[in-house]
């Protein structure tokens, strides 16, 4: 096919950027087939509709294009999108892609990007030597690249702390970009017994807690079903669906089902808004609940979960997977279900704060390149969360 056998969508983006490269942004972001990455990608593009944003990596096609005409002919700027990218070790690709783009374009912004905790990487490497450690060279290379960005923002307080400790003092906290989709009104809700549950078997987890987490989450689902709850299992990616289907089959109840349209961000959020409560392992299952003001308990499997929940002032609703206790989880579920409104109000208030920060950050980025902020922000349309859903 040759180095320029490009998809039609890519060609259209290249043509748009070619017409006005000052609006072209080559972005590095998590681009996987999972709900969280899709939601974050949609949010950033919705907040920056006037920019020609293209995910770019150091591929043979990109290098051929650069040698032929230069990347700057299409993209004046480069950026880091959302997702937990910063401090990823060499070999994954994100650092190599960033180094490549920083040398060829003007680094503009990191938009609510998450930072991988080096201590977590070290602990995982100690347990499983095949997992790459947080080596000093990679960390220094990340800091060198990030120091070139005009606007540098991260997801949460822990991400900010880690970068500050590694020599970047002026890092702004704007929240997760997906909070752009948070509800703008707090609508009344009559409590029922519908619960969404996200269970994951995708490593790495804290310590050796993956098997025990699945065991305890399965027991939780059984107890909820026996207690009269209608349980919707919410995988966030194709790799999680077999586990959800197996759990539903093992329990064998008509009140336990699996939601399978999880790569449709709109539908995922609609289903989350239908629930009276959510318990989730994966970060964006809980972020979705916060956006929809569905009371949520986070079963945190990685430091990024703590980063988000601490930033949102929701730490009391976080249980780490290596501290997970069945009785404690069921007690917290019952406590939240008995009086959900305080948590819903806190979710709504904190989402409103960080949505405002996201848009303020966006406006400053656009102003710096001579573009006016959009008069009306594009967003997904959501149903009302009412008792009749």
Protein backbone atom coordinates (compact mmCIF):
# COMPACT_ATOMS: atom_id res chain seq x y z
CA UNK A 1 0.00 0.00 0.00
CA UNK A 2 2.96 2.37 0.54
CA UNK A 3 3.61 4.97 3.23
CA UNK A 4 0.69 7.21 2.21
CA UNK A 5 -2.16 4.70 2.27
CA UNK A 6 -4.19 6.82 4.70
CA UNK A 7 -7.74 6.50 5.94
CA UNK A 8 -10.27 8.96 4.50
CA UNK A 9 -10.80 10.52 7.95
CA UNK A 10 -7.04 11.12 8.27
CA UNK A 11 -6.86 12.67 4.81
CA UNK A 12 -9.73 15.02 5.65
CA UNK A 13 -7.99 16.12 8.86
CA UNK A 14 -4.72 16.64 6.99
CA UNK A 15 -6.46 18.79 4.38
CA UNK A 16 -8.14 20.84 7.11
CA UNK A 17 -4.82 21.39 8.85
CA UNK A 18 -3.07 22.12 5.52
CA UNK A 19 -5.50 24.96 4.81
CA UNK A 20 -4.61 26.58 8.14
CA UNK A 21 -1.70 24.90 9.97
CA UNK A 22 -1.97 27.50 12.75
CA UNK A 23 -5.06 25.56 13.88
CA UNK A 24 -3.47 22.16 13.47
CA UNK A 25 -2.62 20.19 16.62
CA UNK A 26 -0.78 16.88 16.60
CA UNK A 27 -1.94 15.27 19.82
CA UNK A 28 -0.69 12.32 21.85
CA UNK A 29 -3.39 10.57 23.83
CA UNK A 30 -4.65 7.20 24.95
CA UNK A 31 -6.50 5.95 21.90
CA UNK A 32 -7.76 2.53 22.85
CA UNK A 33 -11.04 0.75 22.29
CA UNK A 34 -12.48 1.53 25.69
CA UNK A 35 -15.16 3.82 27.04
CA UNK A 36 -12.87 6.06 29.07
CA UNK A 37 -10.48 6.92 26.25
CA UNK A 38 -13.38 7.51 23.86
CA UNK A 39 -15.15 9.83 26.31
CA UNK A 40 -11.99 11.85 27.01
CA UNK A 41 -11.17 12.13 23.31
CA UNK A 42 -14.72 13.29 22.54
CA UNK A 43 -14.59 15.85 25.35
CA UNK A 44 -11.33 17.47 24.23
CA UNK A 45 -12.49 17.68 20.63
CA UNK A 46 -15.84 19.10 21.73
CA UNK A 47 -14.08 21.79 23.76
CA UNK A 48 -11.78 22.70 20.86
CA UNK A 49 -14.02 22.56 17.76
CA UNK A 50 -12.06 25.27 15.96
CA UNK A 51 -8.81 23.28 16.06
CA UNK A 52 -7.82 20.53 13.63
CA UNK A 53 -6.80 17.84 16.12
CA UNK A 54 -5.12 14.68 14.87
CA UNK A 55 -3.70 11.82 16.93
CA UNK A 56 -0.13 11.40 15.73
CA UNK A 57 2.62 8.90 16.48
CA UNK A 58 6.15 8.36 15.23
CA UNK A 59 5.15 5.94 12.48
CA UNK A 60 6.66 5.33 9.06
CA UNK A 61 3.83 7.35 7.50
CA UNK A 62 4.39 10.30 9.83
CA UNK A 63 8.14 10.25 9.23
CA UNK A 64 7.67 10.04 5.46
CA UNK A 65 5.29 13.01 5.57
CA UNK A 66 7.77 14.96 7.68
CA UNK A 67 10.63 14.28 5.27
CA UNK A 68 8.50 15.18 2.26
CA UNK A 69 7.01 18.51 3.37
CA UNK A 70 7.58 18.83 7.14
CA UNK A 71 4.99 18.28 9.86
CA UNK A 72 4.74 22.02 10.48
CA UNK A 73 3.06 22.35 7.10
CA UNK A 74 0.10 20.62 8.73
CA UNK A 75 0.53 21.02 12.47
CA UNK A 76 1.97 24.11 14.08
CA UNK A 77 1.37 22.71 17.57
CA UNK A 78 1.58 19.51 19.55
CA UNK A 79 -0.34 18.61 22.69
CA UNK A 80 -0.89 15.93 25.30
CA UNK A 81 -4.47 14.78 25.64
CA UNK A 82 -6.23 13.16 28.55
CA UNK A 83 -5.55 9.73 29.94
CA UNK A 84 -2.77 8.60 32.26
CA UNK A 85 0.19 9.19 29.95
CA UNK A 86 2.88 11.15 31.77
CA UNK A 87 5.81 9.10 33.11
CA UNK A 88 4.99 6.08 30.97
CA UNK A 89 8.30 4.20 30.51
CA UNK A 90 10.06 4.02 27.19
CA UNK A 91 8.82 1.21 25.00
CA UNK A 92 5.13 2.00 25.42
CA UNK A 93 5.46 4.74 22.80
CA UNK A 94 4.01 7.87 24.36
CA UNK A 95 7.36 9.32 25.44
CA UNK A 96 8.97 8.56 22.08
CA UNK A 97 6.06 10.17 20.24
CA UNK A 98 6.24 13.26 22.44
CA UNK A 99 9.99 13.68 21.93
CA UNK A 100 9.49 13.40 18.18
CA UNK A 101 6.72 16.01 18.05
CA UNK A 102 8.35 18.46 20.47
CA UNK A 103 11.31 18.67 18.07
CA UNK A 104 9.09 19.39 15.06
CA UNK A 105 6.17 21.48 16.34
CA UNK A 106 5.44 24.04 19.06
CA UNK A 107 4.37 22.37 22.34
CA UNK A 108 1.11 24.07 23.31
CA UNK A 109 -0.78 22.26 26.08
CA UNK A 110 -1.33 19.19 28.22
CA UNK A 111 -5.09 19.01 28.87
CA UNK A 112 -5.99 17.34 32.17
CA UNK A 113 -3.42 14.60 31.61
CA UNK A 114 -2.84 12.01 34.33
CA UNK A 115 0.59 11.19 35.77
CA UNK A 116 1.66 7.61 36.44
CA UNK A 117 2.99 7.25 39.98
CA UNK A 118 6.65 6.10 39.72
CA UNK A 119 6.33 4.28 43.06
CA UNK A 120 3.47 2.20 41.65
CA UNK A 121 5.59 1.34 38.59
CA UNK A 122 8.48 0.36 40.85
CA UNK A 123 6.26 -1.88 42.99
CA UNK A 124 4.82 -3.56 39.89
CA UNK A 125 8.32 -4.14 38.50
CA UNK A 126 9.42 -5.68 41.80
CA UNK A 127 6.52 -8.14 41.64
CA UNK A 128 6.70 -8.76 37.89
CA UNK A 129 10.15 -7.99 36.40
CA UNK A 130 8.71 -8.10 32.89
CA UNK A 131 6.88 -4.86 33.65
CA UNK A 132 9.04 -1.81 32.90
CA UNK A 133 10.22 0.25 35.88
CA UNK A 134 10.12 4.02 36.25
CA UNK A 135 13.75 4.51 35.24
CA UNK A 136 15.42 7.89 35.89
CA UNK A 137 16.19 8.47 32.21
CA UNK A 138 12.54 8.19 31.17
CA UNK A 139 11.39 10.47 33.99
CA UNK A 140 14.00 13.09 33.08
CA UNK A 141 13.00 12.90 29.41
CA UNK A 142 9.35 13.48 30.31
CA UNK A 143 10.23 16.52 32.43
CA UNK A 144 12.40 17.92 29.63
CA UNK A 145 9.53 17.62 27.14
CA UNK A 146 6.87 18.97 29.50
CA UNK A 147 8.98 22.01 30.35
CA UNK A 148 8.49 23.22 26.77
CA UNK A 149 4.67 23.37 27.00
CA UNK A 150 3.08 26.80 27.25
CA UNK A 151 0.05 25.45 29.16
CA UNK A 152 0.46 22.46 31.46
CA UNK A 153 -2.55 21.01 33.27
CA UNK A 154 -3.20 17.66 34.92
CA UNK A 155 -6.14 15.60 36.14
CA UNK A 156 -5.69 15.90 39.88
CA UNK A 157 -3.81 16.78 43.02
CA UNK A 158 -1.66 13.64 43.04
CA UNK A 159 -0.59 14.21 39.44
CA UNK A 160 0.35 17.78 40.37
CA UNK A 161 2.28 16.59 43.45
CA UNK A 162 4.32 14.06 41.49
CA UNK A 163 5.34 16.57 38.81
CA UNK A 164 6.18 19.18 41.43
CA UNK A 165 8.42 16.67 43.22
CA UNK A 166 10.20 16.05 39.92
CA UNK A 167 10.92 19.70 39.23
CA UNK A 168 7.83 21.15 37.51
CA UNK A 169 6.36 23.68 39.98
CA UNK A 170 3.77 25.46 37.82
CA UNK A 171 1.28 22.71 37.05
CA UNK A 172 -2.43 23.53 36.95
CA UNK A 173 -5.20 21.16 38.09
CA UNK A 174 -8.23 21.21 35.77
CA UNK A 175 -9.79 17.80 36.47
CA UNK A 176 -10.44 14.99 34.04
CA UNK A 177 -11.51 16.26 30.59
CA UNK A 178 -14.54 13.94 30.70
CA UNK A 179 -16.04 16.24 33.35
CA UNK A 180 -16.93 18.53 30.44
CA UNK A 181 -19.97 16.25 30.07
CA UNK A 182 -21.18 16.77 33.65
CA UNK A 183 -24.84 17.66 34.08
CA UNK A 184 -25.58 21.36 34.37
CA UNK A 185 -28.57 20.88 36.69
CA UNK A 186 -29.11 18.63 39.69
CA UNK A 187 -32.42 16.95 39.01
CA UNK A 188 -34.50 15.22 41.71
CA UNK A 189 -34.39 11.46 41.83
CA UNK A 190 -36.55 8.91 43.63
CA UNK A 191 -34.35 6.09 44.96
CA UNK A 192 -34.85 2.60 43.59
CA UNK A 193 -32.77 -0.58 43.60
CA UNK A 194 -30.87 -0.41 40.31
CA UNK A 195 -27.10 -0.64 40.47
CA UNK A 196 -24.39 -0.54 37.83
CA UNK A 197 -21.26 -2.57 38.54
CA UNK A 198 -17.97 -2.42 36.65
CA UNK A 199 -15.63 -5.35 37.29
CA UNK A 200 -12.25 -5.58 35.56
CA UNK A 201 -9.58 -8.22 35.18
CA UNK A 202 -7.16 -5.97 33.30
CA UNK A 203 -3.87 -5.49 35.19
CA UNK A 204 -1.99 -3.95 36.85
CA UNK A 205 -3.79 -3.80 40.20
CA UNK A 206 -2.43 -2.75 43.58
CA UNK A 207 -0.23 -5.57 44.87
CA UNK A 208 -1.62 -9.01 44.07
CA UNK A 209 -5.22 -7.88 44.53
CA UNK A 210 -6.66 -8.71 41.10
CA UNK A 211 -7.93 -12.26 41.88
CA UNK A 212 -9.31 -11.30 45.30
CA UNK A 213 -11.02 -8.23 43.83
CA UNK A 214 -12.89 -10.34 41.28
CA UNK A 215 -13.85 -12.81 44.02
CA UNK A 216 -15.18 -10.09 46.33
CA UNK A 217 -16.95 -8.18 43.56
CA UNK A 218 -18.65 -11.42 42.49
CA UNK A 219 -19.80 -12.00 46.07
CA UNK A 220 -21.07 -8.42 46.20
CA UNK A 221 -23.14 -8.92 43.05
CA UNK A 222 -24.63 -12.12 44.52
CA UNK A 223 -25.61 -10.35 47.73
CA UNK A 224 -27.12 -7.43 45.84
CA UNK A 225 -29.19 -9.75 43.65
CA UNK A 226 -30.39 -11.67 46.70
CA UNK A 227 -31.33 -8.35 48.29
CA UNK A 228 -33.62 -7.51 45.37
CA UNK A 229 -31.33 -5.23 43.35
CA UNK A 230 -31.36 -5.15 39.56
CA UNK A 231 -27.69 -5.32 38.57
CA UNK A 232 -26.30 -4.06 35.26
CA UNK A 233 -22.71 -5.15 34.65
CA UNK A 234 -20.80 -2.40 32.85
CA UNK A 235 -17.64 -3.50 31.04
CA UNK A 236 -15.69 -0.56 29.63
CA UNK A 237 -13.72 -2.42 26.96
CA UNK A 238 -13.92 -5.64 24.90
CA UNK A 239 -11.37 -7.36 27.15
CA UNK A 240 -13.69 -6.93 30.16
CA UNK A 241 -16.86 -8.21 28.51
CA UNK A 242 -16.08 -11.97 28.85
CA UNK A 243 -15.65 -11.54 32.61
CA UNK A 244 -18.98 -9.70 32.93
CA UNK A 245 -20.75 -12.32 30.83
CA UNK A 246 -19.22 -15.13 32.88
CA UNK A 247 -20.30 -13.50 36.15
CA UNK A 248 -23.84 -12.97 34.89
CA UNK A 249 -23.99 -16.59 33.73
CA UNK A 250 -22.61 -17.88 37.01
CA UNK A 251 -25.20 -15.99 39.05
CA UNK A 252 -27.95 -16.99 36.64
CA UNK A 253 -30.59 -14.40 37.51
CA UNK A 254 -32.85 -12.34 35.26
CA UNK A 255 -31.99 -9.38 37.49
CA UNK A 256 -28.31 -9.50 36.43
CA UNK A 257 -27.53 -8.37 32.88
CA UNK A 258 -24.55 -7.15 30.85
CA UNK A 259 -24.48 -3.82 28.98
CA UNK A 260 -22.66 -4.44 25.70
CA UNK A 261 -22.74 -1.08 23.90
CA UNK A 262 -19.92 0.26 26.07
CA UNK A 263 -17.96 1.82 23.17
CA UNK A 264 -20.90 4.16 22.55
CA UNK A 265 -20.14 6.97 25.00
CA UNK A 266 -23.63 8.45 24.82
CA UNK A 267 -25.32 5.13 25.55
CA UNK A 268 -22.91 4.31 28.38
CA UNK A 269 -23.70 7.59 30.09
CA UNK A 270 -27.43 7.11 29.57
CA UNK A 271 -27.28 3.69 31.22
CA UNK A 272 -25.23 5.08 34.12
CA UNK A 273 -27.81 7.85 34.57
CA UNK A 274 -30.52 5.17 34.86
CA UNK A 275 -28.84 3.60 37.90
CA UNK A 276 -29.56 4.46 41.52
CA UNK A 277 -25.98 3.63 42.48
CA UNK A 278 -22.75 2.54 40.82
CA UNK A 279 -19.75 0.54 42.01
CA UNK A 280 -16.78 0.63 39.66
CA UNK A 281 -13.19 -0.52 39.36
CA UNK A 282 -12.25 1.35 36.20
CA UNK A 283 -11.72 5.08 36.63
CA UNK A 284 -14.09 6.37 33.97
CA UNK A 285 -16.98 4.19 35.08
CA UNK A 286 -16.97 6.30 38.25
CA UNK A 287 -16.25 9.55 36.39
CA UNK A 288 -19.32 8.79 34.28
CA UNK A 289 -21.37 8.39 37.47
CA UNK A 290 -20.09 11.71 38.81
CA UNK A 291 -21.06 13.42 35.54
CA UNK A 292 -24.56 11.94 35.76
CA UNK A 293 -24.84 12.56 39.55
CA UNK A 294 -25.33 8.84 40.10
CA UNK A 295 -23.95 8.02 43.58
CA UNK A 296 -20.77 5.98 43.13
CA UNK A 297 -18.27 3.92 45.09
CA UNK A 298 -14.80 3.57 43.57
CA UNK A 299 -12.93 0.29 43.93
CA UNK A 300 -9.55 1.84 43.17
CA UNK A 301 -7.19 -0.51 41.36
CA UNK A 302 -4.44 2.02 40.55
CA UNK A 303 -3.16 5.35 41.97
CA UNK A 304 -5.05 7.30 39.29
CA UNK A 305 -8.30 6.35 41.05
CA UNK A 306 -7.07 7.98 44.26
CA UNK A 307 -5.89 10.99 42.24
CA UNK A 308 -9.40 11.57 40.92
CA UNK A 309 -11.34 10.85 44.12
CA UNK A 310 -9.08 13.02 46.27
CA UNK A 311 -9.33 15.86 43.76
CA UNK A 312 -13.13 15.59 43.81
CA UNK A 313 -13.25 15.47 47.63
CA UNK A 314 -14.76 11.98 47.45
CA UNK A 315 -12.05 9.93 49.20
CA UNK A 316 -14.49 8.46 51.70
CA UNK A 317 -16.18 6.65 48.79
CA UNK A 318 -12.91 5.05 47.63
CA UNK A 319 -11.77 1.56 48.65
CA UNK A 320 -8.43 0.35 47.29
CA UNK A 321 -8.49 -3.14 45.81
CA UNK A 322 -5.78 -4.32 48.19
CA UNK A 323 -7.91 -3.12 51.13
CA UNK A 324 -11.24 -4.40 49.81
CA UNK A 325 -13.46 -6.10 52.37
CA UNK A 326 -16.86 -7.52 51.43
CA UNK A 327 -18.62 -6.41 54.61
CA UNK A 328 -17.18 -2.90 54.37
CA UNK A 329 -18.25 -2.56 50.75
CA UNK A 330 -21.80 -3.76 51.41
CA UNK A 331 -22.04 -1.43 54.40
CA UNK A 332 -20.96 1.54 52.27
CA UNK A 333 -23.43 0.63 49.52
CA UNK A 334 -26.28 0.47 52.04
CA UNK A 335 -25.20 3.75 53.64
CA UNK A 336 -25.14 5.59 50.30
CA UNK A 337 -28.42 4.05 49.18
CA UNK A 338 -30.16 5.04 52.42
CA UNK A 339 -29.29 8.72 51.91
CA UNK A 340 -27.90 9.41 48.41
CA UNK A 341 -28.58 13.14 48.15
CA UNK A 342 -25.53 14.42 50.09
CA UNK A 343 -23.24 12.49 47.75
CA UNK A 344 -25.16 13.59 44.66
CA UNK A 345 -24.89 17.23 45.75
CA UNK A 346 -21.16 16.86 46.32
CA UNK A 347 -20.68 15.21 42.92
CA UNK A 348 -22.65 17.97 41.23
CA UNK A 349 -20.77 20.77 43.01
CA UNK A 350 -17.30 19.35 42.35
CA UNK A 351 -18.09 18.55 38.73
CA UNK A 352 -19.28 22.12 38.24
CA UNK A 353 -16.02 23.47 39.70
CA UNK A 354 -13.81 21.38 37.43
CA UNK A 355 -15.93 21.82 34.32
CA UNK A 356 -15.45 25.56 34.82
CA UNK A 357 -11.70 25.03 35.19
CA UNK A 358 -11.58 22.97 32.01
CA UNK A 359 -13.35 25.67 30.02
CA UNK A 360 -11.24 28.44 31.53
CA UNK A 361 -8.10 26.52 30.57
CA UNK A 362 -9.51 25.97 27.07
CA UNK A 363 -10.29 29.68 26.67
CA UNK A 364 -6.74 30.68 27.63
CA UNK A 365 -5.25 28.18 25.20
CA UNK A 366 -7.41 29.47 22.35
CA UNK A 367 -6.73 33.10 23.22
CA UNK A 368 -2.99 32.43 23.07
CA UNK A 369 -3.30 31.34 19.42
CA UNK A 370 -5.70 34.11 18.45
CA UNK A 371 -8.94 32.11 18.39
CA UNK A 372 -12.12 33.18 20.17
CA UNK A 373 -13.76 30.67 22.50
CA UNK A 374 -16.91 29.04 21.05
CA UNK A 375 -20.10 30.85 22.00
CA UNK A 376 -21.85 27.55 22.68
CA UNK A 377 -20.09 24.36 23.72
CA UNK A 378 -20.93 21.25 21.77
CA UNK A 379 -21.85 18.26 23.94
CA UNK A 380 -23.67 14.96 23.94
CA UNK A 381 -27.36 15.10 24.75
CA UNK A 382 -28.42 13.19 27.83
CA UNK A 383 -31.78 12.04 29.20
CA UNK A 384 -33.11 13.36 32.48
CA UNK A 385 -32.31 11.20 35.49
CA UNK A 386 -35.77 10.65 36.90
CA UNK A 387 -37.50 7.92 38.83
CA UNK A 388 -39.28 6.73 35.70
CA UNK A 389 -36.12 5.88 33.73
